[in-house]
Amino acid sequence: MAIIFKEVTKVIGNSVVIDNVDIIIPSNQITGFKGINGSGKTMLMRLIAGLIYPTTGTVSIDGKVLGKDITFPPSIGVMLENPAFLNGYTGYENLCLLADIKSEIDSDRIKEVLNIVGLTENMNKKYRKYSLGMKQRLGIAAAIMEKPDIVLLDEPTNSLDESGVEMVKKIVKAEKERGATVVMSCHDGEILDELADEVIEIKNGKIAGRYFPHESER
């Protein structure tokens, strides 16, 4: 699903957090958002997810304007900032609760995705006993478990060890191969350049530049 920002500005209080952004994020592509903390990366993802709407301008998903034609993207998986779940439930139970909302997947798929993110051995452990890395893995599992058309991953390698980073790389590549439109941010520029088809640089809520890391391979 193509995502189009047209002259998008977002004002919160007296602050302009997104400033007249025009971008097209093509379908079936990995698009990376690059910028320092507070640059606007997460805010752009929140706009894509329909969690907030533009003050002016439009965000369109597959030709439909968010906040006008549709409330949220019809098929999206999201991990923004620090993932949070219910402390008194296990990792498996938390994913089951989320899956019950749409009833699109069964317990076998939930177990499959827990295995993909390396949580099979800890699926029956209470969430409050999860380490930061395990919480991050569960957040990624929640984002991909229903095989959404759009996958948003905000700093997915946070709190992960080397094996976890490799797991994220494998998942991101697999999601694109499946046909998803993937948007991700990452503080590690090397990881972003390795994975992304296009990198959009963001500074002070504006598009500061863009480049194609694998241009020479085309």
N, C-alpha and C. Protein backbone atom coordinates (compact mmCIF):
# COMPACT_ATOMS: atom_id res chain seq x y z
N MET A 1 0.84 -1.20 0.00
CA MET A 1 0.00 0.00 0.00
C MET A 1 0.87 1.24 0.00
N ALA A 2 0.67 2.13 -0.97
CA ALA A 2 1.43 3.37 -1.04
C ALA A 2 0.93 4.35 0.02
N ILE A 3 1.87 5.08 0.60
CA ILE A 3 1.56 6.09 1.62
C ILE A 3 2.01 7.44 1.07
N ILE A 4 1.09 8.41 1.05
CA ILE A 4 1.43 9.73 0.47
C ILE A 4 1.16 10.84 1.48
N PHE A 5 2.20 11.59 1.79
CA PHE A 5 2.08 12.82 2.59
C PHE A 5 2.02 14.00 1.63
N LYS A 6 0.99 14.81 1.75
CA LYS A 6 0.85 15.98 0.89
C LYS A 6 0.74 17.25 1.74
N GLU A 7 1.83 18.03 1.72
CA GLU A 7 1.89 19.30 2.44
C GLU A 7 1.43 19.15 3.90
N VAL A 8 2.00 18.15 4.57
CA VAL A 8 1.56 17.84 5.93
C VAL A 8 2.30 18.66 6.97
N THR A 9 1.55 19.36 7.78
CA THR A 9 2.08 20.07 8.94
C THR A 9 1.30 19.62 10.17
N LYS A 10 2.02 19.38 11.25
CA LYS A 10 1.38 19.03 12.52
C LYS A 10 1.87 19.98 13.60
N VAL A 11 0.92 20.64 14.24
CA VAL A 11 1.22 21.56 15.32
C VAL A 11 0.67 20.99 16.61
N ILE A 12 1.51 20.89 17.62
CA ILE A 12 1.09 20.44 18.95
C ILE A 12 1.41 21.55 19.94
N GLY A 13 0.38 22.11 20.55
CA GLY A 13 0.58 23.28 21.40
C GLY A 13 1.04 24.44 20.55
N ASN A 14 2.19 24.98 20.89
CA ASN A 14 2.77 26.06 20.10
C ASN A 14 3.94 25.58 19.24
N SER A 15 4.12 24.27 19.17
CA SER A 15 5.27 23.72 18.46
C SER A 15 4.87 23.09 17.13
N VAL A 16 5.62 23.41 16.09
CA VAL A 16 5.45 22.76 14.79
C VAL A 16 6.35 21.52 14.80
N VAL A 17 5.75 20.35 14.91
CA VAL A 17 6.54 19.12 15.02
C VAL A 17 6.77 18.46 13.67
N ILE A 18 5.87 18.69 12.72
CA ILE A 18 6.05 18.26 11.32
C ILE A 18 5.75 19.48 10.46
N ASP A 19 6.69 19.78 9.56
CA ASP A 19 6.64 21.06 8.85
C ASP A 19 6.59 20.89 7.34
N ASN A 20 5.38 20.94 6.77
CA ASN A 20 5.16 20.94 5.33
C ASN A 20 5.88 19.79 4.62
N VAL A 21 5.53 18.59 5.02
CA VAL A 21 6.19 17.39 4.48
C VAL A 21 5.44 16.85 3.27
N ASP A 22 6.19 16.62 2.21
CA ASP A 22 5.69 15.97 0.99
C ASP A 22 6.55 14.75 0.71
N ILE A 23 6.00 13.56 0.91
CA ILE A 23 6.75 12.35 0.58
C ILE A 23 5.80 11.27 0.05
N ILE A 24 6.35 10.42 -0.79
CA ILE A 24 5.62 9.24 -1.26
C ILE A 24 6.41 8.01 -0.82
N ILE A 25 5.75 7.12 -0.09
CA ILE A 25 6.36 5.87 0.34
C ILE A 25 5.73 4.76 -0.48
N PRO A 26 6.48 4.22 -1.45
CA PRO A 26 5.90 3.22 -2.36
C PRO A 26 5.55 1.90 -1.67
N SER A 27 4.64 1.19 -2.27
CA SER A 27 4.30 -0.15 -1.79
C SER A 27 5.49 -1.08 -1.91
N ASN A 28 5.48 -2.12 -1.05
CA ASN A 28 6.47 -3.20 -1.14
C ASN A 28 7.90 -2.67 -1.17
N GLN A 29 8.17 -1.72 -0.29
CA GLN A 29 9.51 -1.14 -0.18
C GLN A 29 9.83 -0.97 1.31
N ILE A 30 11.12 -1.06 1.64
CA ILE A 30 11.57 -0.73 2.99
C ILE A 30 12.05 0.71 2.97
N THR A 31 11.35 1.57 3.69
CA THR A 31 11.71 2.98 3.76
C THR A 31 12.24 3.28 5.16
N GLY A 32 13.41 3.87 5.22
CA GLY A 32 14.01 4.19 6.50
C GLY A 32 13.88 5.66 6.83
N PHE A 33 13.55 5.97 8.08
CA PHE A 33 13.54 7.34 8.58
C PHE A 33 14.81 7.53 9.41
N LYS A 34 15.58 8.55 9.04
CA LYS A 34 16.86 8.80 9.71
C LYS A 34 16.85 10.20 10.32
N GLY A 35 17.28 10.29 11.57
CA GLY A 35 17.33 11.60 12.23
C GLY A 35 17.56 11.42 13.72
N ILE A 36 17.98 12.48 14.38
CA ILE A 36 18.24 12.41 15.81
C ILE A 36 16.91 12.34 16.58
N ASN A 37 17.00 12.00 17.85
CA ASN A 37 15.80 11.99 18.69
C ASN A 37 15.12 13.35 18.66
N GLY A 38 13.80 13.36 18.48
CA GLY A 38 13.07 14.61 18.44
C GLY A 38 12.99 15.25 17.07
N SER A 39 13.53 14.56 16.07
CA SER A 39 13.55 15.14 14.71
C SER A 39 12.19 15.05 14.02
N GLY A 40 11.35 14.10 14.48
CA GLY A 40 10.03 13.95 13.87
C GLY A 40 9.75 12.57 13.31
N LYS A 41 10.70 11.64 13.47
CA LYS A 41 10.53 10.29 12.91
C LYS A 41 9.29 9.59 13.47
N THR A 42 9.19 9.56 14.80
CA THR A 42 8.07 8.88 15.44
C THR A 42 6.75 9.58 15.11
N MET A 43 6.79 10.90 15.02
CA MET A 43 5.58 11.66 14.72
C MET A 43 5.06 11.31 13.32
N LEU A 44 5.96 11.13 12.37
CA LEU A 44 5.54 10.73 11.02
C LEU A 44 4.89 9.35 11.05
N MET A 45 5.44 8.45 11.86
CA MET A 45 4.85 7.12 11.97
C MET A 45 3.47 7.18 12.64
N ARG A 46 3.33 8.04 13.62
CA ARG A 46 2.03 8.20 14.27
C ARG A 46 0.99 8.73 13.28
N LEU A 47 1.42 9.59 12.37
CA LEU A 47 0.53 10.10 11.33
C LEU A 47 0.13 8.98 10.37
N ILE A 48 1.08 8.13 9.99
CA ILE A 48 0.77 7.00 9.10
C ILE A 48 -0.23 6.06 9.76
N ALA A 49 -0.06 5.84 11.06
CA ALA A 49 -0.92 4.89 11.78
C ALA A 49 -2.31 5.45 12.08
N GLY A 50 -2.52 6.73 11.85
CA GLY A 50 -3.81 7.33 12.16
C GLY A 50 -3.99 7.60 13.65
N LEU A 51 -2.89 7.58 14.41
CA LEU A 51 -2.96 7.86 15.84
C LEU A 51 -3.11 9.36 16.08
N ILE A 52 -2.62 10.15 15.13
CA ILE A 52 -2.85 11.59 15.11
C ILE A 52 -3.14 11.97 13.65
N TYR A 53 -3.77 13.11 13.46
CA TYR A 53 -4.06 13.59 12.11
C TYR A 53 -3.32 14.91 11.87
N PRO A 54 -3.04 15.25 10.61
CA PRO A 54 -2.34 16.51 10.31
C PRO A 54 -3.16 17.73 10.73
N THR A 55 -2.47 18.77 11.10
CA THR A 55 -3.13 20.06 11.32
C THR A 55 -3.55 20.64 9.98
N THR A 56 -2.65 20.55 9.01
CA THR A 56 -2.97 20.88 7.62
C THR A 56 -2.33 19.83 6.72
N GLY A 57 -2.87 19.69 5.50
CA GLY A 57 -2.36 18.69 4.57
C GLY A 57 -3.05 17.35 4.77
N THR A 58 -2.63 16.35 4.01
CA THR A 58 -3.27 15.04 4.07
C THR A 58 -2.25 13.90 4.06
N VAL A 59 -2.64 12.81 4.72
CA VAL A 59 -1.90 11.55 4.63
C VAL A 59 -2.85 10.54 4.02
N SER A 60 -2.45 9.95 2.88
CA SER A 60 -3.31 8.99 2.18
C SER A 60 -2.70 7.60 2.21
N ILE A 61 -3.54 6.62 2.42
CA ILE A 61 -3.15 5.22 2.38
C ILE A 61 -3.88 4.56 1.22
N ASP A 62 -3.12 4.17 0.21
CA ASP A 62 -3.73 3.52 -0.96
C ASP A 62 -4.84 4.39 -1.55
N GLY A 63 -4.61 5.72 -1.57
CA GLY A 63 -5.55 6.66 -2.17
C GLY A 63 -6.66 7.16 -1.26
N LYS A 64 -6.71 6.64 -0.02
CA LYS A 64 -7.76 7.06 0.93
C LYS A 64 -7.15 7.94 2.01
N VAL A 65 -7.80 9.09 2.25
CA VAL A 65 -7.26 10.08 3.18
C VAL A 65 -7.61 9.69 4.63
N LEU A 66 -6.56 9.62 5.46
CA LEU A 66 -6.77 9.34 6.88
C LEU A 66 -7.51 10.50 7.55
N GLY A 67 -8.48 10.14 8.37
CA GLY A 67 -9.26 11.17 9.05
C GLY A 67 -10.42 11.69 8.24
N LYS A 68 -10.49 11.24 6.98
CA LYS A 68 -11.60 11.66 6.12
C LYS A 68 -12.28 10.43 5.52
N ASP A 69 -11.54 9.70 4.68
CA ASP A 69 -12.10 8.49 4.06
C ASP A 69 -12.02 7.29 5.00
N ILE A 70 -10.94 7.24 5.78
CA ILE A 70 -10.74 6.12 6.72
C ILE A 70 -10.19 6.69 8.04
N THR A 71 -10.48 5.98 9.12
CA THR A 71 -9.97 6.41 10.44
C THR A 71 -8.56 5.92 10.66
N PHE A 72 -8.32 4.66 10.31
CA PHE A 72 -7.00 4.04 10.44
C PHE A 72 -6.69 3.28 9.15
N PRO A 73 -5.42 3.02 8.87
CA PRO A 73 -5.11 2.11 7.76
C PRO A 73 -5.78 0.77 8.01
N PRO A 74 -6.37 0.16 6.99
CA PRO A 74 -7.13 -1.08 7.19
C PRO A 74 -6.28 -2.27 7.62
N SER A 75 -4.99 -2.25 7.27
CA SER A 75 -4.13 -3.38 7.60
C SER A 75 -2.74 -2.86 7.96
N ILE A 76 -2.48 -2.78 9.26
CA ILE A 76 -1.22 -2.17 9.71
C ILE A 76 -0.75 -2.84 11.00
N GLY A 77 0.57 -3.01 11.09
CA GLY A 77 1.20 -3.49 12.32
C GLY A 77 2.16 -2.43 12.81
N VAL A 78 2.10 -2.12 14.10
CA VAL A 78 2.81 -0.95 14.61
C VAL A 78 3.61 -1.29 15.87
N MET A 79 4.87 -0.85 15.88
CA MET A 79 5.63 -0.83 17.13
C MET A 79 6.27 0.54 17.24
N LEU A 80 5.70 1.38 18.10
CA LEU A 80 6.19 2.74 18.27
C LEU A 80 6.77 2.92 19.66
N GLU A 81 7.92 3.57 19.72
CA GLU A 81 8.58 3.88 20.98
C GLU A 81 8.71 2.62 21.83
N ASN A 82 8.38 2.69 23.11
CA ASN A 82 8.55 1.53 23.98
C ASN A 82 7.27 0.70 24.03
N PRO A 83 7.31 -0.55 23.50
CA PRO A 83 6.10 -1.37 23.51
C PRO A 83 5.65 -1.66 24.94
N ALA A 84 4.35 -1.67 25.16
CA ALA A 84 3.81 -1.93 26.50
C ALA A 84 2.68 -2.95 26.42
N PHE A 85 2.69 -3.89 27.36
CA PHE A 85 1.66 -4.92 27.42
C PHE A 85 1.17 -5.05 28.85
N LEU A 86 0.27 -5.98 29.10
CA LEU A 86 -0.30 -6.17 30.44
C LEU A 86 0.64 -7.02 31.30
N ASN A 87 1.07 -6.45 32.42
CA ASN A 87 2.08 -7.09 33.26
C ASN A 87 1.66 -8.45 33.81
N GLY A 88 0.35 -8.60 34.11
CA GLY A 88 -0.12 -9.82 34.74
C GLY A 88 -0.37 -10.98 33.80
N TYR A 89 -0.19 -10.75 32.52
CA TYR A 89 -0.41 -11.78 31.51
C TYR A 89 0.93 -12.23 30.91
N THR A 90 0.95 -13.43 30.39
CA THR A 90 2.16 -13.93 29.74
C THR A 90 2.31 -13.28 28.36
N GLY A 91 3.48 -13.47 27.77
CA GLY A 91 3.69 -12.96 26.42
C GLY A 91 2.67 -13.54 25.45
N TYR A 92 2.45 -14.85 25.56
CA TYR A 92 1.48 -15.52 24.69
C TYR A 92 0.08 -14.97 24.91
N GLU A 93 -0.32 -14.80 26.17
CA GLU A 93 -1.67 -14.30 26.47
C GLU A 93 -1.87 -12.87 25.97
N ASN A 94 -0.83 -12.05 26.06
CA ASN A 94 -0.93 -10.69 25.57
C ASN A 94 -1.18 -10.66 24.07
N LEU A 95 -0.48 -11.51 23.33
CA LEU A 95 -0.70 -11.56 21.88
C LEU A 95 -2.09 -12.12 21.55
N CYS A 96 -2.56 -13.07 22.35
CA CYS A 96 -3.90 -13.61 22.13
C CYS A 96 -4.96 -12.53 22.32
N LEU A 97 -4.78 -11.68 23.33
CA LEU A 97 -5.73 -10.59 23.56
C LEU A 97 -5.78 -9.64 22.37
N LEU A 98 -4.61 -9.31 21.83
CA LEU A 98 -4.56 -8.43 20.66
C LEU A 98 -5.18 -9.11 19.43
N ALA A 99 -4.90 -10.39 19.27
CA ALA A 99 -5.42 -11.13 18.11
C ALA A 99 -6.94 -11.25 18.15
N ASP A 100 -7.51 -11.26 19.35
CA ASP A 100 -8.96 -11.38 19.50
C ASP A 100 -9.72 -10.18 18.93
N ILE A 101 -9.05 -9.04 18.80
CA ILE A 101 -9.71 -7.84 18.30
C ILE A 101 -10.22 -8.06 16.88
N LYS A 102 -9.38 -8.62 16.02
CA LYS A 102 -9.77 -8.85 14.63
C LYS A 102 -10.13 -10.30 14.34
N SER A 103 -9.66 -11.20 15.16
CA SER A 103 -9.90 -12.64 14.97
C SER A 103 -9.46 -13.11 13.59
N GLU A 104 -8.30 -12.66 13.17
CA GLU A 104 -7.78 -13.05 11.85
C GLU A 104 -6.76 -14.18 11.93
N ILE A 105 -6.19 -14.41 13.11
CA ILE A 105 -5.17 -15.44 13.24
C ILE A 105 -5.51 -16.36 14.41
N ASP A 106 -4.93 -17.57 14.38
CA ASP A 106 -5.20 -18.53 15.44
C ASP A 106 -3.97 -18.70 16.34
N SER A 107 -4.09 -19.59 17.31
CA SER A 107 -3.01 -19.79 18.29
C SER A 107 -1.74 -20.33 17.62
N ASP A 108 -1.91 -21.10 16.55
CA ASP A 108 -0.73 -21.63 15.86
C ASP A 108 0.11 -20.50 15.27
N ARG A 109 -0.54 -19.49 14.69
CA ARG A 109 0.19 -18.36 14.14
C ARG A 109 0.88 -17.56 15.25
N ILE A 110 0.20 -17.41 16.39
CA ILE A 110 0.80 -16.68 17.51
C ILE A 110 2.05 -17.40 18.00
N LYS A 111 1.97 -18.71 18.11
CA LYS A 111 3.14 -19.49 18.53
C LYS A 111 4.24 -19.42 17.48
N GLU A 112 3.84 -19.42 16.22
CA GLU A 112 4.82 -19.31 15.13
C GLU A 112 5.60 -18.00 15.21
N VAL A 113 4.88 -16.90 15.45
CA VAL A 113 5.55 -15.60 15.47
C VAL A 113 6.38 -15.44 16.75
N LEU A 114 5.96 -16.05 17.83
CA LEU A 114 6.78 -16.05 19.05
C LEU A 114 8.10 -16.78 18.81
N ASN A 115 8.03 -17.83 18.02
CA ASN A 115 9.24 -18.56 17.65
C ASN A 115 10.14 -17.70 16.75
N ILE A 116 9.54 -16.97 15.83
CA ILE A 116 10.30 -16.11 14.91
C ILE A 116 11.11 -15.08 15.69
N VAL A 117 10.51 -14.52 16.76
CA VAL A 117 11.22 -13.48 17.52
C VAL A 117 12.02 -14.06 18.69
N GLY A 118 12.07 -15.37 18.79
CA GLY A 118 12.92 -16.00 19.80
C GLY A 118 12.34 -16.00 21.20
N LEU A 119 11.02 -16.08 21.32
CA LEU A 119 10.40 -16.05 22.65
C LEU A 119 9.68 -17.34 23.02
N THR A 120 9.89 -18.40 22.25
CA THR A 120 9.18 -19.64 22.53
C THR A 120 9.39 -20.12 23.96
N GLU A 121 10.62 -20.07 24.44
CA GLU A 121 10.92 -20.56 25.79
C GLU A 121 10.33 -19.67 26.88
N ASN A 122 10.00 -18.42 26.52
CA ASN A 122 9.49 -17.48 27.52
C ASN A 122 8.04 -17.06 27.26
N MET A 123 7.37 -17.79 26.38
CA MET A 123 6.01 -17.38 26.01
C MET A 123 5.03 -17.48 27.17
N ASN A 124 5.31 -18.36 28.14
CA ASN A 124 4.40 -18.53 29.27
C ASN A 124 4.89 -17.82 30.54
N LYS A 125 5.87 -16.94 30.37
CA LYS A 125 6.36 -16.13 31.48
C LYS A 125 5.56 -14.83 31.53
N LYS A 126 5.25 -14.36 32.75
CA LYS A 126 4.52 -13.10 32.89
C LYS A 126 5.32 -11.95 32.28
N TYR A 127 4.60 -11.04 31.63
CA TYR A 127 5.26 -9.92 30.96
C TYR A 127 6.10 -9.08 31.92
N ARG A 128 5.65 -8.95 33.17
CA ARG A 128 6.40 -8.13 34.13
C ARG A 128 7.78 -8.70 34.42
N LYS A 129 7.98 -9.98 34.10
CA LYS A 129 9.28 -10.60 34.32
C LYS A 129 10.17 -10.58 33.08
N TYR A 130 9.66 -9.98 32.02
CA TYR A 130 10.44 -9.89 30.78
C TYR A 130 11.56 -8.85 30.91
N SER A 131 12.69 -9.15 30.32
CA SER A 131 13.78 -8.17 30.21
C SER A 131 13.40 -7.14 29.15
N LEU A 132 14.16 -6.06 29.05
CA LEU A 132 13.89 -5.04 28.03
C LEU A 132 13.96 -5.64 26.63
N GLY A 133 14.94 -6.51 26.42
CA GLY A 133 15.07 -7.15 25.10
C GLY A 133 13.90 -8.03 24.77
N MET A 134 13.40 -8.77 25.76
CA MET A 134 12.24 -9.63 25.54
C MET A 134 10.99 -8.81 25.26
N LYS A 135 10.86 -7.68 25.95
CA LYS A 135 9.72 -6.79 25.70
C LYS A 135 9.77 -6.27 24.26
N GLN A 136 10.97 -5.95 23.81
CA GLN A 136 11.15 -5.45 22.44
C GLN A 136 10.75 -6.54 21.44
N ARG A 137 11.17 -7.76 21.69
CA ARG A 137 10.84 -8.87 20.81
C ARG A 137 9.32 -9.10 20.74
N LEU A 138 8.66 -8.97 21.90
CA LEU A 138 7.21 -9.15 21.92
C LEU A 138 6.51 -8.05 21.14
N GLY A 139 7.05 -6.82 21.23
CA GLY A 139 6.49 -5.71 20.46
C GLY A 139 6.59 -5.95 18.96
N ILE A 140 7.71 -6.50 18.53
CA ILE A 140 7.90 -6.82 17.11
C ILE A 140 6.94 -7.93 16.69
N ALA A 141 6.79 -8.93 17.56
CA ALA A 141 5.85 -10.03 17.27
C ALA A 141 4.44 -9.49 17.07
N ALA A 142 4.02 -8.58 17.93
CA ALA A 142 2.68 -8.01 17.82
C ALA A 142 2.49 -7.26 16.51
N ALA A 143 3.56 -6.60 16.05
CA ALA A 143 3.48 -5.80 14.83
C ALA A 143 3.34 -6.65 13.57
N ILE A 144 3.93 -7.85 13.58
CA ILE A 144 3.95 -8.65 12.35
C ILE A 144 2.99 -9.84 12.36
N MET A 145 2.38 -10.15 13.50
CA MET A 145 1.69 -11.44 13.62
C MET A 145 0.50 -11.60 12.67
N GLU A 146 -0.18 -10.50 12.33
CA GLU A 146 -1.35 -10.61 11.46
C GLU A 146 -1.00 -10.39 9.98
N LYS A 147 0.28 -10.40 9.66
CA LYS A 147 0.75 -10.22 8.28
C LYS A 147 0.13 -8.98 7.63
N PRO A 148 0.30 -7.81 8.26
CA PRO A 148 -0.34 -6.58 7.75
C PRO A 148 0.30 -6.08 6.47
N ASP A 149 -0.46 -5.24 5.76
CA ASP A 149 0.05 -4.64 4.52
C ASP A 149 1.10 -3.57 4.80
N ILE A 150 0.99 -2.89 5.95
CA ILE A 150 1.95 -1.87 6.35
C ILE A 150 2.54 -2.26 7.70
N VAL A 151 3.87 -2.20 7.81
CA VAL A 151 4.55 -2.50 9.07
C VAL A 151 5.39 -1.29 9.47
N LEU A 152 5.11 -0.75 10.65
CA LEU A 152 5.86 0.39 11.18
C LEU A 152 6.71 -0.08 12.35
N LEU A 153 8.02 0.10 12.25
CA LEU A 153 8.93 -0.32 13.32
C LEU A 153 9.80 0.86 13.72
N ASP A 154 9.55 1.38 14.91
CA ASP A 154 10.27 2.54 15.43
C ASP A 154 11.40 2.05 16.33
N GLU A 155 12.64 2.20 15.86
CA GLU A 155 13.82 1.75 16.60
C GLU A 155 13.68 0.28 17.05
N PRO A 156 13.48 -0.64 16.12
CA PRO A 156 13.23 -2.03 16.51
C PRO A 156 14.43 -2.73 17.13
N THR A 157 15.65 -2.19 16.96
CA THR A 157 16.83 -2.87 17.51
C THR A 157 17.17 -2.39 18.93
N ASN A 158 16.39 -1.46 19.47
CA ASN A 158 16.63 -0.99 20.84
C ASN A 158 16.63 -2.16 21.83
N SER A 159 17.59 -2.15 22.75
CA SER A 159 17.66 -3.14 23.85
C SER A 159 17.95 -4.56 23.38
N LEU A 160 18.31 -4.73 22.10
CA LEU A 160 18.58 -6.07 21.60
C LEU A 160 20.07 -6.35 21.49
N ASP A 161 20.44 -7.60 21.77
CA ASP A 161 21.84 -8.00 21.60
C ASP A 161 22.09 -8.30 20.12
N GLU A 162 23.28 -8.77 19.84
CA GLU A 162 23.66 -9.00 18.43
C GLU A 162 22.74 -9.99 17.74
N SER A 163 22.36 -11.04 18.44
CA SER A 163 21.46 -12.03 17.83
C SER A 163 20.09 -11.42 17.58
N GLY A 164 19.67 -10.53 18.48
CA GLY A 164 18.39 -9.85 18.31
C GLY A 164 18.39 -8.92 17.12
N VAL A 165 19.52 -8.24 16.91
CA VAL A 165 19.64 -7.34 15.75
C VAL A 165 19.56 -8.15 14.46
N GLU A 166 20.22 -9.30 14.43
CA GLU A 166 20.15 -10.15 13.24
C GLU A 166 18.73 -10.65 13.01
N MET A 167 18.02 -10.93 14.10
CA MET A 167 16.63 -11.36 14.01
C MET A 167 15.78 -10.26 13.37
N VAL A 168 16.00 -9.00 13.79
CA VAL A 168 15.25 -7.88 13.22
C VAL A 168 15.53 -7.76 11.72
N LYS A 169 16.77 -7.87 11.34
CA LYS A 169 17.14 -7.78 9.92
C LYS A 169 16.40 -8.84 9.10
N LYS A 170 16.39 -10.06 9.63
CA LYS A 170 15.72 -11.17 8.93
C LYS A 170 14.23 -10.91 8.79
N ILE A 171 13.61 -10.40 9.87
CA ILE A 171 12.17 -10.13 9.86
C ILE A 171 11.83 -9.03 8.88
N VAL A 172 12.60 -7.95 8.90
CA VAL A 172 12.32 -6.82 8.00
C VAL A 172 12.41 -7.26 6.54
N LYS A 173 13.44 -8.03 6.21
CA LYS A 173 13.58 -8.52 4.85
C LYS A 173 12.43 -9.46 4.47
N ALA A 174 12.02 -10.30 5.42
CA ALA A 174 10.93 -11.25 5.16
C ALA A 174 9.60 -10.52 4.96
N GLU A 175 9.38 -9.43 5.71
CA GLU A 175 8.15 -8.67 5.56
C GLU A 175 8.07 -8.02 4.18
N LYS A 176 9.18 -7.50 3.71
CA LYS A 176 9.19 -6.92 2.35
C LYS A 176 8.94 -8.02 1.31
N GLU A 177 9.60 -9.16 1.51
CA GLU A 177 9.45 -10.27 0.56
C GLU A 177 8.00 -10.76 0.52
N ARG A 178 7.33 -10.68 1.68
CA ARG A 178 5.92 -11.07 1.77
C ARG A 178 5.03 -10.10 1.01
N GLY A 179 5.51 -8.87 0.78
CA GLY A 179 4.73 -7.88 0.04
C GLY A 179 4.33 -6.67 0.86
N ALA A 180 4.81 -6.60 2.10
CA ALA A 180 4.43 -5.49 2.97
C ALA A 180 5.19 -4.21 2.62
N THR A 181 4.59 -3.08 2.96
CA THR A 181 5.26 -1.79 2.92
C THR A 181 5.83 -1.56 4.31
N VAL A 182 7.15 -1.52 4.41
CA VAL A 182 7.82 -1.42 5.71
C VAL A 182 8.42 -0.03 5.89
N VAL A 183 8.09 0.60 7.02
CA VAL A 183 8.70 1.88 7.39
C VAL A 183 9.39 1.68 8.73
N MET A 184 10.68 1.99 8.79
CA MET A 184 11.40 1.79 10.03
C MET A 184 12.35 2.95 10.31
N SER A 185 12.61 3.16 11.58
CA SER A 185 13.65 4.10 11.98
C SER A 185 14.70 3.30 12.75
N CYS A 186 15.92 3.79 12.77
CA CYS A 186 16.98 3.10 13.49
C CYS A 186 18.11 4.09 13.76
N HIS A 187 18.59 4.10 14.99
CA HIS A 187 19.67 5.03 15.34
C HIS A 187 21.00 4.60 14.72
N ASP A 188 21.07 3.33 14.33
CA ASP A 188 22.28 2.80 13.69
C ASP A 188 22.17 2.98 12.18
N GLY A 189 22.91 3.95 11.64
CA GLY A 189 22.84 4.26 10.21
C GLY A 189 23.25 3.10 9.33
N GLU A 190 24.18 2.27 9.81
CA GLU A 190 24.64 1.13 9.00
C GLU A 190 23.51 0.11 8.80
N ILE A 191 22.75 -0.14 9.86
CA ILE A 191 21.63 -1.08 9.76
C ILE A 191 20.58 -0.53 8.80
N LEU A 192 20.31 0.76 8.93
CA LEU A 192 19.31 1.40 8.07
C LEU A 192 19.74 1.32 6.61
N ASP A 193 21.01 1.60 6.34
CA ASP A 193 21.51 1.55 4.97
C ASP A 193 21.50 0.13 4.41
N GLU A 194 21.73 -0.85 5.28
CA GLU A 194 21.73 -2.24 4.85
C GLU A 194 20.33 -2.70 4.45
N LEU A 195 19.32 -2.28 5.19
CA LEU A 195 17.97 -2.80 5.00
C LEU A 195 17.12 -1.98 4.05
N ALA A 196 17.24 -0.65 4.12
CA ALA A 196 16.28 0.23 3.44
C ALA A 196 16.55 0.36 1.94
N ASP A 197 15.46 0.37 1.16
CA ASP A 197 15.56 0.69 -0.26
C ASP A 197 15.75 2.19 -0.44
N GLU A 198 15.14 2.96 0.46
CA GLU A 198 15.25 4.42 0.43
C GLU A 198 15.33 4.92 1.87
N VAL A 199 16.21 5.89 2.10
CA VAL A 199 16.34 6.50 3.42
C VAL A 199 15.94 7.97 3.32
N ILE A 200 15.00 8.37 4.17
CA ILE A 200 14.54 9.75 4.21
C ILE A 200 15.10 10.39 5.48
N GLU A 201 15.87 11.45 5.29
CA GLU A 201 16.49 12.14 6.42
C GLU A 201 15.56 13.24 6.93
N ILE A 202 15.36 13.26 8.23
CA ILE A 202 14.42 14.19 8.85
C ILE A 202 15.15 15.06 9.86
N LYS A 203 14.88 16.34 9.81
CA LYS A 203 15.51 17.29 10.73
C LYS A 203 14.51 18.38 11.08
N ASN A 204 14.26 18.56 12.37
CA ASN A 204 13.32 19.59 12.84
C ASN A 204 11.96 19.50 12.16
N GLY A 205 11.50 18.26 11.95
CA GLY A 205 10.18 18.06 11.37
C GLY A 205 10.10 18.26 9.87
N LYS A 206 11.25 18.46 9.23
CA LYS A 206 11.28 18.67 7.78
C LYS A 206 12.07 17.56 7.10
N ILE A 207 11.81 17.38 5.81
CA ILE A 207 12.60 16.45 5.03
C ILE A 207 13.91 17.14 4.65
N ALA A 208 15.01 16.61 5.20
CA ALA A 208 16.31 17.24 4.98
C ALA A 208 17.07 16.62 3.81
N GLY A 209 16.61 15.45 3.37
CA GLY A 209 17.28 14.78 2.25
C GLY A 209 16.75 13.37 2.11
N ARG A 210 17.17 12.73 1.03
CA ARG A 210 16.79 11.33 0.81
C ARG A 210 17.81 10.70 -0.11
N TYR A 211 18.02 9.41 0.08
CA TYR A 211 18.98 8.71 -0.78
C TYR A 211 18.60 7.23 -0.86
N PHE A 212 19.18 6.56 -1.86
CA PHE A 212 18.92 5.15 -2.10
C PHE A 212 20.21 4.36 -1.86
N PRO A 213 20.33 3.69 -0.71
CA PRO A 213 21.59 3.02 -0.34
C PRO A 213 22.08 1.99 -1.35
N HIS A 214 21.16 1.41 -2.10
CA HIS A 214 21.54 0.32 -3.01
C HIS A 214 21.39 0.73 -4.46
N GLU A 215 21.50 2.02 -4.72
CA GLU A 215 21.32 2.56 -6.07
C GLU A 215 22.23 1.87 -7.09
N SER A 216 23.46 1.60 -6.67
CA SER A 216 24.43 0.99 -7.59
C SER A 216 24.07 -0.44 -7.95
N GLU A 217 23.20 -1.06 -7.13
CA GLU A 217 22.83 -2.44 -7.39
C GLU A 217 21.66 -2.55 -8.36
N ARG A 218 21.03 -1.42 -8.68
CA ARG A 218 19.85 -1.45 -9.55
C ARG A 218 20.25 -1.69 -11.00
